[in-house]
Each structure stands twice: as structure tokens, then as C-alpha cells.
Amino acid sequence: QVQLVESGGGLVQPGGSLRLSCAASGGNISQWAMYWHRQAPGQQRKLVAGVALGGTPNYAESVQGRFTISRDNANNVVYLQMNDLKPEDTGVYYCNAALAWWGQGTQVTVSP
């Protein structure tokens, strides 16, 4: 069974950086497109970034130029580097594999 475990969330001031990690087990991420979604308080879960099998990334307009998604197929890990964080980036960040499997989420709070 595929399991995804996110880590790296926390409290950060505006303008700061965090790097989220998503470690996969029970399958090989090299077979899947991988995604990061965000669920802000009181809102629906939304796609933040995705990375295709070949490594081509795509981003929501709100994070373009600030976030970078990457994949390490050898270690079965996906990352989300988040720079210049803003209060509106606050939420629970979820890793997703092939739009089929979800992690439990990691909280990111951006606040002075």
C-alpha cells in the first residue's frame, strides 16, 4: 500500500523560507506525477505545484517564482522549496501521488 509522509512544516515569518519533504513507501515515485496541494482554513484544497514523470514542473500562479517542486526518484522523495513566504501561504500542505494517494499533511503558518 502506498504511503506518503510529509515533513518540514512550521511557523515562519513573512519573507522566510521552508522546505517540505514527502517520503513515499509502498511504491516508486518514478512511476507517478507528484503534486503538492494546500488547504487554507475554511477553504477547499487547491493545487500548488506538480511535477511530471520527466521532471517538468507546473505551479499555481500565486506561487510562481517563489516555490520550486523537485523530485528525487532514487530516494523516493519529493520536495517543495518555498521562498518569500506570505501570510496567504498559510495552510496544511498535502503531498499527492498520481492524484490517487494522499499524505496526512503538514501545517505551514506564515505570521509575523
N, C-alpha and C. Protein backbone atom coordinates (compact mmCIF):
# COMPACT_ATOMS: atom_id res chain seq x y z
N GLN A 1 0.84 -1.19 0.00
CA GLN A 1 0.00 0.00 0.00
C GLN A 1 0.89 1.25 0.00
N VAL A 2 0.53 2.19 -0.83
CA VAL A 2 1.31 3.43 -0.93
C VAL A 2 1.07 4.30 0.29
N GLN A 3 2.16 4.79 0.86
CA GLN A 3 2.08 5.74 1.97
C GLN A 3 2.95 6.93 1.66
N LEU A 4 2.44 8.12 1.97
CA LEU A 4 3.17 9.36 1.78
C LEU A 4 3.26 10.07 3.12
N VAL A 5 4.45 10.50 3.49
CA VAL A 5 4.64 11.17 4.78
C VAL A 5 5.31 12.51 4.53
N GLU A 6 4.59 13.58 4.87
CA GLU A 6 5.11 14.93 4.71
C GLU A 6 5.84 15.37 5.97
N SER A 7 6.82 16.25 5.79
CA SER A 7 7.52 16.86 6.92
C SER A 7 8.06 18.20 6.47
N GLY A 8 8.50 19.00 7.46
CA GLY A 8 9.15 20.26 7.15
C GLY A 8 8.30 21.49 7.39
N GLY A 9 7.05 21.31 7.77
CA GLY A 9 6.21 22.46 8.04
C GLY A 9 6.61 23.16 9.33
N GLY A 10 5.97 24.30 9.59
CA GLY A 10 6.26 25.03 10.81
C GLY A 10 5.77 26.45 10.74
N LEU A 11 6.23 27.23 11.70
CA LEU A 11 5.88 28.66 11.78
C LEU A 11 7.05 29.47 11.26
N VAL A 12 6.76 30.39 10.35
CA VAL A 12 7.81 31.21 9.75
C VAL A 12 7.28 32.62 9.56
N GLN A 13 8.17 33.58 9.62
CA GLN A 13 7.78 34.98 9.41
C GLN A 13 7.63 35.27 7.91
N PRO A 14 6.84 36.26 7.56
CA PRO A 14 6.75 36.66 6.15
C PRO A 14 8.14 36.95 5.58
N GLY A 15 8.34 36.48 4.35
CA GLY A 15 9.64 36.62 3.72
C GLY A 15 10.58 35.46 3.97
N GLY A 16 10.20 34.57 4.87
CA GLY A 16 11.05 33.43 5.20
C GLY A 16 10.89 32.28 4.23
N SER A 17 11.59 31.20 4.53
CA SER A 17 11.61 30.02 3.66
C SER A 17 11.38 28.75 4.46
N LEU A 18 10.81 27.77 3.79
CA LEU A 18 10.68 26.42 4.32
C LEU A 18 10.86 25.44 3.18
N ARG A 19 11.32 24.25 3.52
CA ARG A 19 11.37 23.17 2.53
C ARG A 19 10.56 21.99 3.06
N LEU A 20 9.54 21.63 2.31
CA LEU A 20 8.72 20.49 2.66
C LEU A 20 9.27 19.25 1.95
N SER A 21 9.15 18.11 2.62
CA SER A 21 9.54 16.83 2.05
C SER A 21 8.35 15.88 2.07
N CYS A 22 8.31 15.01 1.09
CA CYS A 22 7.29 13.97 1.02
C CYS A 22 8.00 12.66 0.73
N ALA A 23 8.04 11.79 1.71
CA ALA A 23 8.69 10.50 1.56
C ALA A 23 7.65 9.43 1.24
N ALA A 24 7.89 8.69 0.17
CA ALA A 24 6.94 7.68 -0.28
C ALA A 24 7.44 6.28 0.05
N SER A 25 6.50 5.39 0.35
CA SER A 25 6.80 3.98 0.53
C SER A 25 5.67 3.17 -0.08
N GLY A 26 5.96 1.90 -0.37
CA GLY A 26 4.94 1.05 -0.97
C GLY A 26 4.79 1.25 -2.46
N GLY A 27 5.69 2.02 -3.05
CA GLY A 27 5.66 2.28 -4.48
C GLY A 27 6.81 3.18 -4.86
N ASN A 28 7.03 3.32 -6.13
CA ASN A 28 8.16 4.10 -6.62
C ASN A 28 7.64 5.37 -7.31
N ILE A 29 8.05 6.52 -6.79
CA ILE A 29 7.53 7.79 -7.32
C ILE A 29 7.93 8.01 -8.77
N SER A 30 8.93 7.26 -9.25
CA SER A 30 9.35 7.43 -10.64
C SER A 30 8.24 7.04 -11.61
N GLN A 31 7.21 6.35 -11.11
CA GLN A 31 6.10 5.91 -11.94
C GLN A 31 4.94 6.91 -11.96
N TRP A 32 5.02 7.97 -11.12
CA TRP A 32 3.87 8.84 -10.95
C TRP A 32 4.21 10.31 -11.14
N ALA A 33 3.26 11.08 -11.61
CA ALA A 33 3.32 12.51 -11.42
C ALA A 33 3.05 12.79 -9.94
N MET A 34 3.72 13.79 -9.39
CA MET A 34 3.60 14.10 -7.97
C MET A 34 3.13 15.55 -7.81
N TYR A 35 2.40 15.78 -6.72
CA TYR A 35 1.79 17.09 -6.52
C TYR A 35 1.87 17.52 -5.06
N TRP A 36 1.81 18.83 -4.88
CA TRP A 36 1.58 19.43 -3.58
C TRP A 36 0.30 20.26 -3.66
N HIS A 37 -0.56 20.06 -2.68
CA HIS A 37 -1.78 20.84 -2.55
C HIS A 37 -1.75 21.58 -1.23
N ARG A 38 -2.55 22.62 -1.13
CA ARG A 38 -2.66 23.41 0.10
C ARG A 38 -4.14 23.59 0.44
N GLN A 39 -4.43 23.43 1.73
CA GLN A 39 -5.78 23.71 2.21
C GLN A 39 -5.70 24.78 3.28
N ALA A 40 -6.16 25.97 2.94
CA ALA A 40 -6.19 27.08 3.89
C ALA A 40 -7.42 26.94 4.78
N PRO A 41 -7.39 27.55 5.95
CA PRO A 41 -8.54 27.47 6.86
C PRO A 41 -9.84 27.91 6.19
N GLY A 42 -10.85 27.06 6.25
CA GLY A 42 -12.15 27.39 5.70
C GLY A 42 -12.24 27.33 4.19
N GLN A 43 -11.20 26.82 3.54
CA GLN A 43 -11.20 26.77 2.08
C GLN A 43 -11.00 25.35 1.58
N GLN A 44 -11.27 25.17 0.30
CA GLN A 44 -11.05 23.86 -0.32
C GLN A 44 -9.57 23.65 -0.59
N ARG A 45 -9.20 22.39 -0.70
CA ARG A 45 -7.83 22.04 -1.04
C ARG A 45 -7.57 22.45 -2.50
N LYS A 46 -6.39 23.09 -2.72
CA LYS A 46 -6.05 23.58 -4.05
C LYS A 46 -4.66 23.14 -4.45
N LEU A 47 -4.48 22.92 -5.73
CA LEU A 47 -3.19 22.53 -6.26
C LEU A 47 -2.22 23.70 -6.17
N VAL A 48 -1.03 23.42 -5.65
CA VAL A 48 0.03 24.43 -5.55
C VAL A 48 1.10 24.20 -6.61
N ALA A 49 1.52 22.93 -6.73
CA ALA A 49 2.60 22.62 -7.66
C ALA A 49 2.52 21.15 -8.04
N GLY A 50 3.02 20.84 -9.23
CA GLY A 50 3.10 19.46 -9.67
C GLY A 50 4.39 19.24 -10.46
N VAL A 51 4.82 18.00 -10.50
CA VAL A 51 6.00 17.66 -11.29
C VAL A 51 5.71 16.38 -12.06
N ALA A 52 5.90 16.45 -13.38
CA ALA A 52 5.60 15.32 -14.25
C ALA A 52 6.67 14.24 -14.14
N LEU A 53 6.41 13.11 -14.77
CA LEU A 53 7.36 12.00 -14.73
C LEU A 53 8.73 12.42 -15.22
N GLY A 54 8.78 13.25 -16.25
CA GLY A 54 10.05 13.68 -16.81
C GLY A 54 10.69 14.83 -16.05
N GLY A 55 9.99 15.34 -15.02
CA GLY A 55 10.56 16.40 -14.20
C GLY A 55 10.05 17.79 -14.51
N THR A 56 9.19 17.93 -15.52
CA THR A 56 8.67 19.25 -15.85
C THR A 56 7.72 19.73 -14.75
N PRO A 57 7.99 20.90 -14.17
CA PRO A 57 7.14 21.39 -13.09
C PRO A 57 6.01 22.30 -13.61
N ASN A 58 4.99 22.44 -12.81
CA ASN A 58 3.98 23.47 -13.07
C ASN A 58 3.51 24.00 -11.72
N TYR A 59 3.07 25.25 -11.72
CA TYR A 59 2.77 25.95 -10.48
C TYR A 59 1.48 26.73 -10.58
N ALA A 60 0.82 26.88 -9.44
CA ALA A 60 -0.27 27.84 -9.35
C ALA A 60 0.31 29.24 -9.53
N GLU A 61 -0.48 30.11 -10.11
CA GLU A 61 0.00 31.47 -10.37
C GLU A 61 0.44 32.17 -9.10
N SER A 62 -0.22 31.87 -8.00
CA SER A 62 0.07 32.57 -6.74
C SER A 62 1.44 32.25 -6.17
N VAL A 63 2.04 31.14 -6.60
CA VAL A 63 3.35 30.74 -6.05
C VAL A 63 4.45 30.76 -7.09
N GLN A 64 4.09 31.06 -8.33
CA GLN A 64 5.07 31.08 -9.42
C GLN A 64 6.22 32.03 -9.07
N GLY A 65 7.44 31.53 -9.23
CA GLY A 65 8.62 32.34 -8.95
C GLY A 65 9.08 32.31 -7.50
N ARG A 66 8.26 31.73 -6.61
CA ARG A 66 8.62 31.64 -5.19
C ARG A 66 8.79 30.20 -4.73
N PHE A 67 8.04 29.29 -5.29
CA PHE A 67 8.09 27.88 -4.90
C PHE A 67 8.77 27.07 -6.00
N THR A 68 9.46 26.02 -5.57
CA THR A 68 10.09 25.10 -6.51
C THR A 68 9.80 23.67 -6.08
N ILE A 69 9.21 22.90 -6.98
CA ILE A 69 8.97 21.48 -6.71
C ILE A 69 10.06 20.67 -7.39
N SER A 70 10.51 19.63 -6.72
CA SER A 70 11.53 18.76 -7.31
C SER A 70 11.31 17.33 -6.84
N ARG A 71 11.91 16.40 -7.56
CA ARG A 71 11.74 15.00 -7.21
C ARG A 71 13.10 14.32 -7.18
N ASP A 72 13.28 13.43 -6.23
CA ASP A 72 14.48 12.61 -6.09
C ASP A 72 14.01 11.16 -6.21
N ASN A 73 14.00 10.68 -7.43
CA ASN A 73 13.47 9.33 -7.66
C ASN A 73 14.31 8.25 -6.97
N ALA A 74 15.60 8.49 -6.87
CA ALA A 74 16.48 7.49 -6.26
C ALA A 74 16.14 7.26 -4.79
N ASN A 75 15.72 8.34 -4.11
CA ASN A 75 15.40 8.24 -2.69
C ASN A 75 13.91 8.26 -2.41
N ASN A 76 13.12 8.31 -3.49
CA ASN A 76 11.65 8.25 -3.36
C ASN A 76 11.08 9.42 -2.56
N VAL A 77 11.61 10.62 -2.83
CA VAL A 77 11.21 11.81 -2.08
C VAL A 77 10.88 12.94 -3.06
N VAL A 78 9.86 13.70 -2.71
CA VAL A 78 9.50 14.91 -3.45
C VAL A 78 9.63 16.09 -2.49
N TYR A 79 10.12 17.20 -3.02
CA TYR A 79 10.34 18.39 -2.19
C TYR A 79 9.51 19.56 -2.70
N LEU A 80 9.24 20.48 -1.80
CA LEU A 80 8.68 21.76 -2.17
C LEU A 80 9.47 22.84 -1.43
N GLN A 81 10.31 23.55 -2.17
CA GLN A 81 11.06 24.66 -1.61
C GLN A 81 10.19 25.91 -1.70
N MET A 82 9.95 26.54 -0.58
CA MET A 82 9.07 27.70 -0.52
C MET A 82 9.87 28.90 -0.02
N ASN A 83 9.99 29.89 -0.86
CA ASN A 83 10.72 31.11 -0.53
C ASN A 83 9.78 32.31 -0.52
N ASP A 84 10.24 33.39 0.12
CA ASP A 84 9.46 34.62 0.18
C ASP A 84 8.01 34.33 0.60
N LEU A 85 7.87 33.60 1.68
CA LEU A 85 6.55 33.18 2.12
C LEU A 85 5.69 34.37 2.55
N LYS A 86 4.40 34.24 2.29
CA LYS A 86 3.43 35.29 2.59
C LYS A 86 2.36 34.71 3.52
N PRO A 87 1.67 35.56 4.27
CA PRO A 87 0.62 35.04 5.16
C PRO A 87 -0.43 34.21 4.42
N GLU A 88 -0.70 34.54 3.18
CA GLU A 88 -1.69 33.79 2.42
C GLU A 88 -1.21 32.40 2.00
N ASP A 89 0.05 32.08 2.26
CA ASP A 89 0.56 30.74 2.02
C ASP A 89 0.23 29.80 3.19
N THR A 90 -0.33 30.33 4.24
CA THR A 90 -0.68 29.53 5.41
C THR A 90 -1.70 28.45 5.06
N GLY A 91 -1.48 27.25 5.59
CA GLY A 91 -2.41 26.16 5.38
C GLY A 91 -1.75 24.83 5.66
N VAL A 92 -2.52 23.79 5.45
CA VAL A 92 -1.99 22.43 5.55
C VAL A 92 -1.58 22.01 4.14
N TYR A 93 -0.35 21.57 4.01
CA TYR A 93 0.19 21.16 2.72
C TYR A 93 0.17 19.64 2.63
N TYR A 94 -0.41 19.16 1.53
CA TYR A 94 -0.56 17.73 1.32
C TYR A 94 0.22 17.30 0.09
N CYS A 95 0.90 16.19 0.23
CA CYS A 95 1.57 15.53 -0.89
C CYS A 95 0.58 14.58 -1.55
N ASN A 96 0.67 14.48 -2.87
CA ASN A 96 -0.23 13.60 -3.61
C ASN A 96 0.55 12.88 -4.69
N ALA A 97 0.24 11.59 -4.86
CA ALA A 97 0.87 10.79 -5.89
C ALA A 97 -0.17 10.37 -6.91
N ALA A 98 0.05 10.75 -8.14
CA ALA A 98 -0.79 10.32 -9.26
C ALA A 98 -2.26 10.68 -9.07
N LEU A 99 -2.52 11.69 -8.30
CA LEU A 99 -3.90 12.12 -7.98
C LEU A 99 -4.70 10.97 -7.37
N ALA A 100 -3.98 10.04 -6.74
CA ALA A 100 -4.64 8.86 -6.18
C ALA A 100 -4.39 8.69 -4.69
N TRP A 101 -3.18 8.97 -4.24
CA TRP A 101 -2.81 8.76 -2.84
C TRP A 101 -2.41 10.08 -2.19
N TRP A 102 -2.78 10.22 -0.92
CA TRP A 102 -2.53 11.45 -0.17
C TRP A 102 -1.75 11.17 1.10
N GLY A 103 -0.94 12.14 1.49
CA GLY A 103 -0.31 12.09 2.79
C GLY A 103 -1.23 12.71 3.84
N GLN A 104 -0.73 12.77 5.07
CA GLN A 104 -1.55 13.27 6.17
C GLN A 104 -1.49 14.79 6.30
N GLY A 105 -0.55 15.41 5.63
CA GLY A 105 -0.43 16.85 5.63
C GLY A 105 0.55 17.38 6.66
N THR A 106 1.09 18.56 6.38
CA THR A 106 1.98 19.25 7.32
C THR A 106 1.56 20.73 7.34
N GLN A 107 1.50 21.27 8.56
CA GLN A 107 1.00 22.63 8.73
C GLN A 107 2.10 23.65 8.45
N VAL A 108 1.77 24.65 7.66
CA VAL A 108 2.64 25.80 7.42
C VAL A 108 1.89 27.05 7.87
N THR A 109 2.51 27.80 8.75
CA THR A 109 1.91 29.04 9.23
C THR A 109 2.89 30.17 8.99
N VAL A 110 2.45 31.19 8.26
CA VAL A 110 3.27 32.35 7.97
C VAL A 110 2.67 33.54 8.71
N SER A 111 3.40 34.02 9.70
CA SER A 111 2.86 35.06 10.57
C SER A 111 4.00 35.86 11.17
N PRO A 112 3.80 37.17 11.38
CA PRO A 112 4.87 37.98 12.00
C PRO A 112 5.17 37.49 13.41
